[in-house]
Amino acid sequence: MIEIGKMQKLQIIRKTDMGAYLNCKDTKDRDDILLLKNKVPPELAIGDEIEVFVYQDSEDKTIATVTKPKLTIGELGLLRVVEITHFGAFLDWGLQKDLLLPLREQVGKISKGDLCLVGLYINNSNRICATMYIYNLLKTESPYKQNDRVCGTVYSINRDIGVFVAVDNKYHGLIHNNELYGNFNVGDYIEVRVKRVRDDGKLELSLRKEAYNEIENDAQKIMARLKLSGGTLLINDNSSPDYIKAELNISKRAFKRAIGRLLKEGAIKITEEGIEVMWQ
């Protein structure tokens, strides 16, 4: 069976002035597809096999090409936007006919020149299209373990859950809200730490380093803020997580760890209103 959107080996069934007509070997289906004459290697004869990609041309005719596109069905990748229209965007995928990313398949605002992480699907008209909704196309069998540093592309943002990341542009990853610092947009390429590998293989990610490495950074951040504010900060254990994050851009848990470290070193003291530096 001929598969649209995939590289496959097909047999040359017949030749004409237009080119070679191809089909599956030993098939009873006579809906042969055309490989244009200028794409047919001259040494090939009727009965020989050739590897081709099958898709629809600009006239919506199913044809074959020996050119492998940048993406095939089942793969994910970054493709550049070459044109924006009222019904969608067109992406460069390495073939003469650009790939349509329909408006309903877009996530966030995209512009000409952007790189979009997309997968492929076949629509009701048997045409290959791109989609930015890639959750179901991501894999879970990653090679990573806890505390590995990884990179990936932000492909979705949910204010109630966090930021979804395609690690290596192929594996499931999520930064939960409590591990999220700073502002991100769909399409951002980021480096993160694997906080946990779930039983189902999906990766829980963090923008923070391991806790024992972060304490030093957070402690320095608190000391710098203390000096800027004259030696006193009106933040303590009773302060809300949102307030601490807004003031120091760290979580309440990280704040408490860093405060514990500074207290142990005698760098600060706790007051009724907050914390105070111990000037030397």
C-alpha atoms as a PDB file:
ATOM      1  CA  MET A   1       0.000   0.000   0.000  1.00  0.00           C
ATOM      2  CA  ILE A   2       1.345   3.406  -0.985  1.00  0.00           C
ATOM      3  CA  GLU A   3       1.707   5.675   2.071  1.00  0.00           C
ATOM      4  CA  ILE A   4       1.335   9.418   1.651  1.00  0.00           C
ATOM      5  CA  GLY A   5       3.852  11.438   3.649  1.00  0.00           C
ATOM      6  CA  LYS A   6       6.521   8.757   3.977  1.00  0.00           C
ATOM      7  CA  MET A   7       9.690   7.649   2.232  1.00  0.00           C
ATOM      8  CA  GLN A   8       9.149   4.213   0.674  1.00  0.00           C
ATOM      9  CA  LYS A   9      10.448   1.901  -2.015  1.00  0.00           C
ATOM     10  CA  LEU A  10       8.166   1.583  -5.036  1.00  0.00           C
ATOM     11  CA  GLN A  11       8.521  -0.365  -8.248  1.00  0.00           C
ATOM     12  CA  ILE A  12       8.635   1.168 -11.709  1.00  0.00           C
ATOM     13  CA  ILE A  13       5.505  -0.197 -13.411  1.00  0.00           C
ATOM     14  CA  ARG A  14       5.709   1.634 -16.729  1.00  0.00           C
ATOM     15  CA  LYS A  15       7.426   4.551 -18.418  1.00  0.00           C
ATOM     16  CA  THR A  16       5.981   7.340 -20.567  1.00  0.00           C
ATOM     17  CA  ASP A  17       7.145  10.629 -22.010  1.00  0.00           C
ATOM     18  CA  MET A  18       6.074  12.239 -18.716  1.00  0.00           C
ATOM     19  CA  GLY A  19       8.148   9.976 -16.508  1.00  0.00           C
ATOM     20  CA  ALA A  20       7.874   6.705 -14.606  1.00  0.00           C
ATOM     21  CA  TYR A  21       4.695   5.405 -12.982  1.00  0.00           C
ATOM     22  CA  LEU A  22       5.266   3.702  -9.666  1.00  0.00           C
ATOM     23  CA  ASN A  23       3.409   1.339  -7.385  1.00  0.00           C
ATOM     24  CA  CYS A  24       3.991  -1.205  -4.666  1.00  0.00           C
ATOM     25  CA  LYS A  25       5.611  -4.423  -5.756  1.00  0.00           C
ATOM     26  CA  ASP A  26       3.114  -7.215  -6.544  1.00  0.00           C
ATOM     27  CA  THR A  27       0.148  -4.933  -5.852  1.00  0.00           C
ATOM     28  CA  LYS A  28      -3.243  -5.337  -7.525  1.00  0.00           C
ATOM     29  CA  ASP A  29      -3.971  -1.646  -7.106  1.00  0.00           C
ATOM     30  CA  ARG A  30      -3.566   0.079 -10.465  1.00  0.00           C
ATOM     31  CA  ASP A  31      -3.596   3.638  -9.153  1.00  0.00           C
ATOM     32  CA  ASP A  32       0.002   4.216 -10.164  1.00  0.00           C
ATOM     33  CA  ILE A  33       1.676   7.505  -9.209  1.00  0.00           C
ATOM     34  CA  LEU A  34       3.968   9.587 -11.371  1.00  0.00           C
ATOM     35  CA  LEU A  35       7.632  10.316 -10.837  1.00  0.00           C
ATOM     36  CA  LEU A  36       8.482  13.095 -13.286  1.00  0.00           C
ATOM     37  CA  LYS A  37      10.929  12.243 -16.043  1.00  0.00           C
ATOM     38  CA  ASN A  38      13.658  14.622 -14.854  1.00  0.00           C
ATOM     39  CA  LYS A  39      13.635  12.847 -11.474  1.00  0.00           C
ATOM     40  CA  VAL A  40      14.001   9.303 -12.836  1.00  0.00           C
ATOM     41  CA  PRO A  41      17.587   7.972 -12.792  1.00  0.00           C
ATOM     42  CA  PRO A  42      18.332   6.955 -16.406  1.00  0.00           C
ATOM     43  CA  GLU A  43      19.788   3.599 -15.432  1.00  0.00           C
ATOM     44  CA  LEU A  44      16.515   2.368 -13.903  1.00  0.00           C
ATOM     45  CA  ALA A  45      14.231   0.120 -15.932  1.00  0.00           C
ATOM     46  CA  ILE A  46      10.704  -1.244 -15.592  1.00  0.00           C
ATOM     47  CA  GLY A  47      10.608  -3.602 -12.607  1.00  0.00           C
ATOM     48  CA  ASP A  48      13.348  -1.785 -10.679  1.00  0.00           C
ATOM     49  CA  GLU A  49      12.639  -0.234  -7.285  1.00  0.00           C
ATOM     50  CA  ILE A  50      13.318   3.328  -6.232  1.00  0.00           C
ATOM     51  CA  GLU A  51      12.942   5.118  -2.883  1.00  0.00           C
ATOM     52  CA  VAL A  52      10.564   8.082  -3.101  1.00  0.00           C
ATOM     53  CA  PHE A  53       8.434  10.426  -1.027  1.00  0.00           C
ATOM     54  CA  VAL A  54       4.716  10.544  -1.883  1.00  0.00           C
ATOM     55  CA  TYR A  55       2.651  13.733  -1.561  1.00  0.00           C
ATOM     56  CA  GLN A  56       0.266  16.015  -3.428  1.00  0.00           C
ATOM     57  CA  ASP A  57       1.584  18.629  -5.827  1.00  0.00           C
ATOM     58  CA  SER A  58       0.296  22.186  -6.370  1.00  0.00           C
ATOM     59  CA  GLU A  59      -2.576  20.766  -8.462  1.00  0.00           C
ATOM     60  CA  ASP A  60      -3.503  18.315  -5.697  1.00  0.00           C
ATOM     61  CA  LYS A  61      -2.327  15.336  -7.719  1.00  0.00           C
ATOM     62  CA  THR A  62      -0.616  12.512  -5.822  1.00  0.00           C
ATOM     63  CA  ILE A  63       2.957  12.281  -7.105  1.00  0.00           C
ATOM     64  CA  ALA A  64       6.349  10.960  -6.069  1.00  0.00           C
ATOM     65  CA  THR A  65       9.698  12.687  -5.628  1.00  0.00           C
ATOM     66  CA  VAL A  66      13.169  11.375  -4.888  1.00  0.00           C
ATOM     67  CA  THR A  67      13.760  14.424  -2.680  1.00  0.00           C
ATOM     68  CA  LYS A  68      13.386  13.660   1.020  1.00  0.00           C
ATOM     69  CA  PRO A  69      11.635  16.557   2.806  1.00  0.00           C
ATOM     70  CA  LYS A  70      12.837  17.955   6.116  1.00  0.00           C
ATOM     71  CA  LEU A  71       9.939  16.149   7.835  1.00  0.00           C
ATOM     72  CA  THR A  72       7.900  13.039   7.135  1.00  0.00           C
ATOM     73  CA  ILE A  73       4.805  11.649   8.854  1.00  0.00           C
ATOM     74  CA  GLY A  74       5.617  10.668  12.444  1.00  0.00           C
ATOM     75  CA  GLU A  75       8.571  13.046  12.783  1.00  0.00           C
ATOM     76  CA  LEU A  76       8.916  16.388  14.573  1.00  0.00           C
ATOM     77  CA  GLY A  77      11.128  19.267  13.556  1.00  0.00           C
ATOM     78  CA  LEU A  78      11.691  22.997  13.291  1.00  0.00           C
ATOM     79  CA  LEU A  79      10.497  24.524  10.013  1.00  0.00           C
ATOM     80  CA  ARG A  80      10.784  28.164   8.967  1.00  0.00           C
ATOM     81  CA  VAL A  81       7.744  30.292   8.113  1.00  0.00           C
ATOM     82  CA  VAL A  82       8.062  31.664   4.569  1.00  0.00           C
ATOM     83  CA  GLU A  83       4.600  33.178   4.121  1.00  0.00           C
ATOM     84  CA  ILE A  84       1.632  34.271   6.251  1.00  0.00           C
ATOM     85  CA  THR A  85      -1.927  34.203   4.863  1.00  0.00           C
ATOM     86  CA  HIS A  86      -5.399  34.713   6.317  1.00  0.00           C
ATOM     87  CA  PHE A  87      -5.981  30.945   6.458  1.00  0.00           C
ATOM     88  CA  GLY A  88      -2.586  29.822   7.708  1.00  0.00           C
ATOM     89  CA  ALA A  89       1.168  29.954   7.262  1.00  0.00           C
ATOM     90  CA  PHE A  90       3.416  28.237   4.764  1.00  0.00           C
ATOM     91  CA  LEU A  91       6.584  26.493   5.908  1.00  0.00           C
ATOM     92  CA  ASP A  92       9.725  25.546   4.039  1.00  0.00           C
ATOM     93  CA  TRP A  93      10.055  21.771   4.261  1.00  0.00           C
ATOM     94  CA  GLY A  94      12.486  21.276   1.404  1.00  0.00           C
ATOM     95  CA  LEU A  95      10.018  20.579  -1.417  1.00  0.00           C
ATOM     96  CA  GLN A  96       8.889  22.824  -4.265  1.00  0.00           C
ATOM     97  CA  LYS A  97       5.404  23.118  -2.760  1.00  0.00           C
ATOM     98  CA  ASP A  98       5.587  24.721   0.703  1.00  0.00           C
ATOM     99  CA  LEU A  99       3.842  23.048   3.626  1.00  0.00           C
ATOM    100  CA  LEU A 100       0.623  24.546   4.990  1.00  0.00           C
ATOM    101  CA  LEU A 101       0.291  25.197   8.722  1.00  0.00           C
ATOM    102  CA  PRO A 102      -3.454  25.913   9.030  1.00  0.00           C
ATOM    103  CA  LEU A 103      -4.567  28.726  11.306  1.00  0.00           C
ATOM    104  CA  ARG A 104      -6.396  26.297  13.612  1.00  0.00           C
ATOM    105  CA  GLU A 105      -3.187  24.266  14.039  1.00  0.00           C
ATOM    106  CA  GLN A 106      -1.104  27.233  15.218  1.00  0.00           C
ATOM    107  CA  VAL A 107      -0.125  27.936  18.836  1.00  0.00           C
ATOM    108  CA  GLY A 108       0.587  31.542  19.756  1.00  0.00           C
ATOM    109  CA  LYS A 109       1.459  34.293  17.319  1.00  0.00           C
ATOM    110  CA  ILE A 110       3.809  33.404  14.498  1.00  0.00           C
ATOM    111  CA  SER A 111       5.488  35.657  11.939  1.00  0.00           C
ATOM    112  CA  LYS A 112       7.400  35.268   8.709  1.00  0.00           C
ATOM    113  CA  GLY A 113      10.902  34.018   9.447  1.00  0.00           C
ATOM    114  CA  ASP A 114       9.955  32.225  12.673  1.00  0.00           C
ATOM    115  CA  LEU A 115      10.991  28.639  13.324  1.00  0.00           C
ATOM    116  CA  CYS A 116       8.006  26.496  14.357  1.00  0.00           C
ATOM    117  CA  LEU A 117       8.229  23.088  15.992  1.00  0.00           C
ATOM    118  CA  VAL A 118       5.680  21.012  14.076  1.00  0.00           C
ATOM    119  CA  GLY A 119       4.573  17.526  13.191  1.00  0.00           C
ATOM    120  CA  LEU A 120       2.692  16.357  10.114  1.00  0.00           C
ATOM    121  CA  TYR A 121      -0.794  14.977   9.582  1.00  0.00           C
ATOM    122  CA  ILE A 122      -3.004  14.122   6.611  1.00  0.00           C
ATOM    123  CA  ASN A 123      -6.235  16.125   6.442  1.00  0.00           C
ATOM    124  CA  ASN A 124      -9.633  15.064   5.132  1.00  0.00           C
ATOM    125  CA  SER A 125      -8.614  16.011   1.590  1.00  0.00           C
ATOM    126  CA  ASN A 126      -5.595  13.680   1.737  1.00  0.00           C
ATOM    127  CA  ARG A 127      -3.201  16.622   1.893  1.00  0.00           C
ATOM    128  CA  ILE A 128      -0.178  16.755   4.171  1.00  0.00           C
ATOM    129  CA  CYS A 129      -0.362  19.644   6.655  1.00  0.00           C
ATOM    130  CA  ALA A 130       1.636  20.803   9.664  1.00  0.00           C
ATOM    131  CA  THR A 131       0.454  21.156  13.258  1.00  0.00           C
ATOM    132  CA  MET A 132       1.937  22.798  16.339  1.00  0.00           C
ATOM    133  CA  TYR A 133      -0.230  20.599  18.586  1.00  0.00           C
ATOM    134  CA  ILE A 134       2.443  17.969  19.054  1.00  0.00           C
ATOM    135  CA  TYR A 135       1.673  16.487  22.501  1.00  0.00           C
ATOM    136  CA  ASN A 136       0.514  13.163  21.067  1.00  0.00           C
ATOM    137  CA  LEU A 137       3.534  12.993  18.764  1.00  0.00           C
ATOM    138  CA  LEU A 138       6.154  13.181  21.524  1.00  0.00           C
ATOM    139  CA  LYS A 139       7.964  10.113  22.815  1.00  0.00           C
ATOM    140  CA  THR A 140       8.527   8.913  26.383  1.00  0.00           C
ATOM    141  CA  GLU A 141      11.530   6.596  26.048  1.00  0.00           C
ATOM    142  CA  SER A 142      14.186   9.273  26.547  1.00  0.00           C
ATOM    143  CA  PRO A 143      17.793   8.389  27.509  1.00  0.00           C
ATOM    144  CA  TYR A 144      17.828  10.864  30.408  1.00  0.00           C
ATOM    145  CA  LYS A 145      17.956  10.424  34.178  1.00  0.00           C
ATOM    146  CA  GLN A 146      17.442  12.675  37.196  1.00  0.00           C
ATOM    147  CA  ASN A 147      19.631  15.824  37.283  1.00  0.00           C
ATOM    148  CA  ASP A 148      20.719  15.551  33.640  1.00  0.00           C
ATOM    149  CA  ARG A 149      20.898  18.872  31.801  1.00  0.00           C
ATOM    150  CA  VAL A 150      18.770  18.879  28.665  1.00  0.00           C
ATOM    151  CA  CYS A 151      17.560  21.329  26.013  1.00  0.00           C
ATOM    152  CA  GLY A 152      14.230  21.656  24.298  1.00  0.00           C
ATOM    153  CA  THR A 153      11.594  23.857  22.694  1.00  0.00           C
ATOM    154  CA  VAL A 154       8.604  25.364  24.507  1.00  0.00           C
ATOM    155  CA  TYR A 155       5.554  24.171  22.570  1.00  0.00           C
ATOM    156  CA  SER A 156       2.663  24.988  24.909  1.00  0.00           C
ATOM    157  CA  ILE A 157       1.965  27.073  28.023  1.00  0.00           C
ATOM    158  CA  ASN A 158      -0.804  26.342  30.510  1.00  0.00           C
ATOM    159  CA  ARG A 159      -1.152  28.912  33.303  1.00  0.00           C
ATOM    160  CA  ASP A 160      -2.667  26.324  35.642  1.00  0.00           C
ATOM    161  CA  ILE A 161      -0.018  23.659  35.038  1.00  0.00           C
ATOM    162  CA  GLY A 162       3.206  25.080  33.649  1.00  0.00           C
ATOM    163  CA  VAL A 163       5.331  25.123  30.519  1.00  0.00           C
ATOM    164  CA  PHE A 164       5.400  22.130  28.177  1.00  0.00           C
ATOM    165  CA  VAL A 165       8.782  21.447  26.603  1.00  0.00           C
ATOM    166  CA  ALA A 166       9.714  19.099  23.766  1.00  0.00           C
ATOM    167  CA  VAL A 167      13.074  17.857  25.041  1.00  0.00           C
ATOM    168  CA  ASP A 168      15.440  17.379  22.076  1.00  0.00           C
ATOM    169  CA  ASN A 169      12.305  18.296  20.094  1.00  0.00           C
ATOM    170  CA  LYS A 170      11.067  14.733  20.555  1.00  0.00           C
ATOM    171  CA  TYR A 171      10.462  13.767  24.235  1.00  0.00           C
ATOM    172  CA  HIS A 172       7.724  14.741  26.727  1.00  0.00           C
ATOM    173  CA  GLY A 173       8.790  17.376  29.254  1.00  0.00           C
ATOM    174  CA  LEU A 174       6.997  19.703  31.668  1.00  0.00           C
ATOM    175  CA  ILE A 175       8.141  22.548  33.935  1.00  0.00           C
ATOM    176  CA  HIS A 176       5.554  22.781  36.713  1.00  0.00           C
ATOM    177  CA  ASN A 177       4.539  26.252  37.860  1.00  0.00           C
ATOM    178  CA  ASN A 178       6.430  25.888  41.150  1.00  0.00           C
ATOM    179  CA  GLU A 179       9.657  25.362  39.173  1.00  0.00           C
ATOM    180  CA  LEU A 180       8.954  28.193  36.755  1.00  0.00           C
ATOM    181  CA  TYR A 181      10.807  31.516  36.868  1.00  0.00           C
ATOM    182  CA  GLY A 182      10.809  34.218  34.221  1.00  0.00           C
ATOM    183  CA  ASN A 183       8.653  34.675  31.143  1.00  0.00           C
ATOM    184  CA  PHE A 184       8.540  32.240  28.259  1.00  0.00           C
ATOM    185  CA  ASN A 185       6.856  32.057  24.874  1.00  0.00           C
ATOM    186  CA  VAL A 186       5.995  29.212  22.555  1.00  0.00           C
ATOM    187  CA  GLY A 187       9.038  28.574  20.383  1.00  0.00           C
ATOM    188  CA  ASP A 188      11.645  29.494  23.017  1.00  0.00           C
ATOM    189  CA  TYR A 189      14.625  27.149  23.130  1.00  0.00           C
ATOM    190  CA  ILE A 190      15.708  26.577  26.730  1.00  0.00           C
ATOM    191  CA  GLU A 191      18.123  24.567  28.857  1.00  0.00           C
ATOM    192  CA  VAL A 192      16.676  22.832  31.924  1.00  0.00           C
ATOM    193  CA  ARG A 193      17.411  20.129  34.481  1.00  0.00           C
ATOM    194  CA  VAL A 194      15.582  16.811  34.679  1.00  0.00           C
ATOM    195  CA  LYS A 195      13.992  16.942  38.120  1.00  0.00           C
ATOM    196  CA  ARG A 196      12.305  13.546  37.859  1.00  0.00           C
ATOM    197  CA  VAL A 197      11.663  10.801  35.352  1.00  0.00           C
ATOM    198  CA  ARG A 198       8.078   9.666  35.864  1.00  0.00           C
ATOM    199  CA  ASP A 199       7.022   6.029  35.758  1.00  0.00           C
ATOM    200  CA  ASP A 200       5.446   6.643  32.342  1.00  0.00           C
ATOM    201  CA  GLY A 201       8.744   8.010  31.013  1.00  0.00           C
ATOM    202  CA  LYS A 202       7.691  11.657  30.851  1.00  0.00           C
ATOM    203  CA  LEU A 203      10.193  14.173  32.195  1.00  0.00           C
ATOM    204  CA  GLU A 204       9.516  16.672  34.961  1.00  0.00           C
ATOM    205  CA  LEU A 205      11.856  19.601  34.439  1.00  0.00           C
ATOM    206  CA  SER A 206      13.241  22.481  36.464  1.00  0.00           C
ATOM    207  CA  LEU A 207      14.900  25.757  35.587  1.00  0.00           C
ATOM    208  CA  ARG A 208      16.836  25.500  38.825  1.00  0.00           C
ATOM    209  CA  LYS A 209      20.019  23.565  39.472  1.00  0.00           C
ATOM    210  CA  GLU A 210      20.234  20.856  42.126  1.00  0.00           C
ATOM    211  CA  ALA A 211      19.139  22.179  45.534  1.00  0.00           C
ATOM    212  CA  TYR A 212      22.601  22.006  47.088  1.00  0.00           C
ATOM    213  CA  ASN A 213      24.031  24.125  44.253  1.00  0.00           C
ATOM    214  CA  GLU A 214      21.130  26.581  44.295  1.00  0.00           C
ATOM    215  CA  ILE A 215      21.481  27.421  47.990  1.00  0.00           C
ATOM    216  CA  GLU A 216      24.667  29.368  47.364  1.00  0.00           C
ATOM    217  CA  ASN A 217      23.147  31.345  44.487  1.00  0.00           C
ATOM    218  CA  ASP A 218      19.974  32.109  46.452  1.00  0.00           C
ATOM    219  CA  ALA A 219      21.930  33.099  49.543  1.00  0.00           C
ATOM    220  CA  GLN A 220      24.009  35.533  47.494  1.00  0.00           C
ATOM    221  CA  LYS A 221      20.858  36.960  45.964  1.00  0.00           C
ATOM    222  CA  ILE A 222      19.344  37.562  49.409  1.00  0.00           C
ATOM    223  CA  MET A 223      22.531  39.194  50.713  1.00  0.00           C
ATOM    224  CA  ALA A 224      22.677  41.488  47.684  1.00  0.00           C
ATOM    225  CA  ARG A 225      19.079  42.580  48.277  1.00  0.00           C
ATOM    226  CA  LEU A 226      19.793  43.152  51.974  1.00  0.00           C
ATOM    227  CA  LYS A 227      22.642  45.497  51.133  1.00  0.00           C
ATOM    228  CA  LEU A 228      20.546  47.388  48.590  1.00  0.00           C
ATOM    229  CA  SER A 229      17.748  47.857  51.119  1.00  0.00           C
ATOM    230  CA  GLY A 230      19.963  49.088  53.936  1.00  0.00           C
ATOM    231  CA  GLY A 231      20.405  45.752  55.668  1.00  0.00           C
ATOM    232  CA  THR A 232      16.749  44.825  56.253  1.00  0.00           C
ATOM    233  CA  LEU A 233      14.165  42.896  54.258  1.00  0.00           C
ATOM    234  CA  LEU A 234      10.514  42.666  55.309  1.00  0.00           C
ATOM    235  CA  ILE A 235      10.292  38.997  54.328  1.00  0.00           C
ATOM    236  CA  ASN A 236      10.002  36.025  56.649  1.00  0.00           C
ATOM    237  CA  ASP A 237       8.428  32.562  56.977  1.00  0.00           C
ATOM    238  CA  ASN A 238       4.967  34.117  57.088  1.00  0.00           C
ATOM    239  CA  SER A 239       5.404  35.886  53.744  1.00  0.00           C
ATOM    240  CA  SER A 240       3.377  34.416  50.909  1.00  0.00           C
ATOM    241  CA  PRO A 241       5.119  32.415  48.155  1.00  0.00           C
ATOM    242  CA  ASP A 242       3.908  34.953  45.583  1.00  0.00           C
ATOM    243  CA  TYR A 243       5.413  37.847  47.536  1.00  0.00           C
ATOM    244  CA  ILE A 244       8.750  36.079  47.937  1.00  0.00           C
ATOM    245  CA  LYS A 245       8.836  35.228  44.254  1.00  0.00           C
ATOM    246  CA  ALA A 246       7.983  38.809  43.303  1.00  0.00           C
ATOM    247  CA  GLU A 247      10.679  40.246  45.577  1.00  0.00           C
ATOM    248  CA  LEU A 248      13.503  37.738  45.095  1.00  0.00           C
ATOM    249  CA  ASN A 249      12.439  35.614  42.094  1.00  0.00           C
ATOM    250  CA  ILE A 250      12.874  32.403  44.084  1.00  0.00           C
ATOM    251  CA  SER A 251      10.382  29.990  45.605  1.00  0.00           C
ATOM    252  CA  LYS A 252       9.456  30.044  49.288  1.00  0.00           C
ATOM    253  CA  ARG A 253      11.140  26.678  49.755  1.00  0.00           C
ATOM    254  CA  ALA A 254      14.366  27.997  48.225  1.00  0.00           C
ATOM    255  CA  PHE A 255      14.092  31.118  50.398  1.00  0.00           C
ATOM    256  CA  LYS A 256      13.851  29.039  53.567  1.00  0.00           C
ATOM    257  CA  ARG A 257      16.837  26.880  52.551  1.00  0.00           C
ATOM    258  CA  ALA A 258      18.971  29.939  51.833  1.00  0.00           C
ATOM    259  CA  ILE A 259      17.922  31.656  55.070  1.00  0.00           C
ATOM    260  CA  GLY A 260      18.876  28.529  56.992  1.00  0.00           C
ATOM    261  CA  ARG A 261      22.300  28.599  55.366  1.00  0.00           C
ATOM    262  CA  LEU A 262      22.813  32.309  56.162  1.00  0.00           C
ATOM    263  CA  LEU A 263      21.667  31.870  59.763  1.00  0.00           C
ATOM    264  CA  LYS A 264      24.096  28.990  60.238  1.00  0.00           C
ATOM    265  CA  GLU A 265      26.923  31.146  58.930  1.00  0.00           C
ATOM    266  CA  GLY A 266      25.918  34.057  61.200  1.00  0.00           C
ATOM    267  CA  ALA A 267      25.375  36.367  58.223  1.00  0.00           C
ATOM    268  CA  ILE A 268      21.817  37.373  59.203  1.00  0.00           C
ATOM    269  CA  LYS A 269      19.397  37.384  62.097  1.00  0.00           C
ATOM    270  CA  ILE A 270      15.626  36.964  62.214  1.00  0.00           C
ATOM    271  CA  THR A 271      13.540  39.895  63.487  1.00  0.00           C
ATOM    272  CA  GLU A 272       9.809  40.248  64.093  1.00  0.00           C
ATOM    273  CA  GLU A 273       9.405  42.027  60.768  1.00  0.00           C
ATOM    274  CA  GLY A 274      11.790  40.058  58.581  1.00  0.00           C
ATOM    275  CA  ILE A 275      15.510  39.470  58.271  1.00  0.00           C
ATOM    276  CA  GLU A 276      18.459  41.712  59.035  1.00  0.00           C
ATOM    277  CA  VAL A 277      22.078  41.512  57.985  1.00  0.00           C
ATOM    278  CA  MET A 278      24.733  41.091  60.694  1.00  0.00           C
ATOM    279  CA  TRP A 279      27.179  43.818  59.684  1.00  0.00           C
ATOM    280  CA  GLN A 280      30.771  43.088  60.397  1.00  0.00           C
END
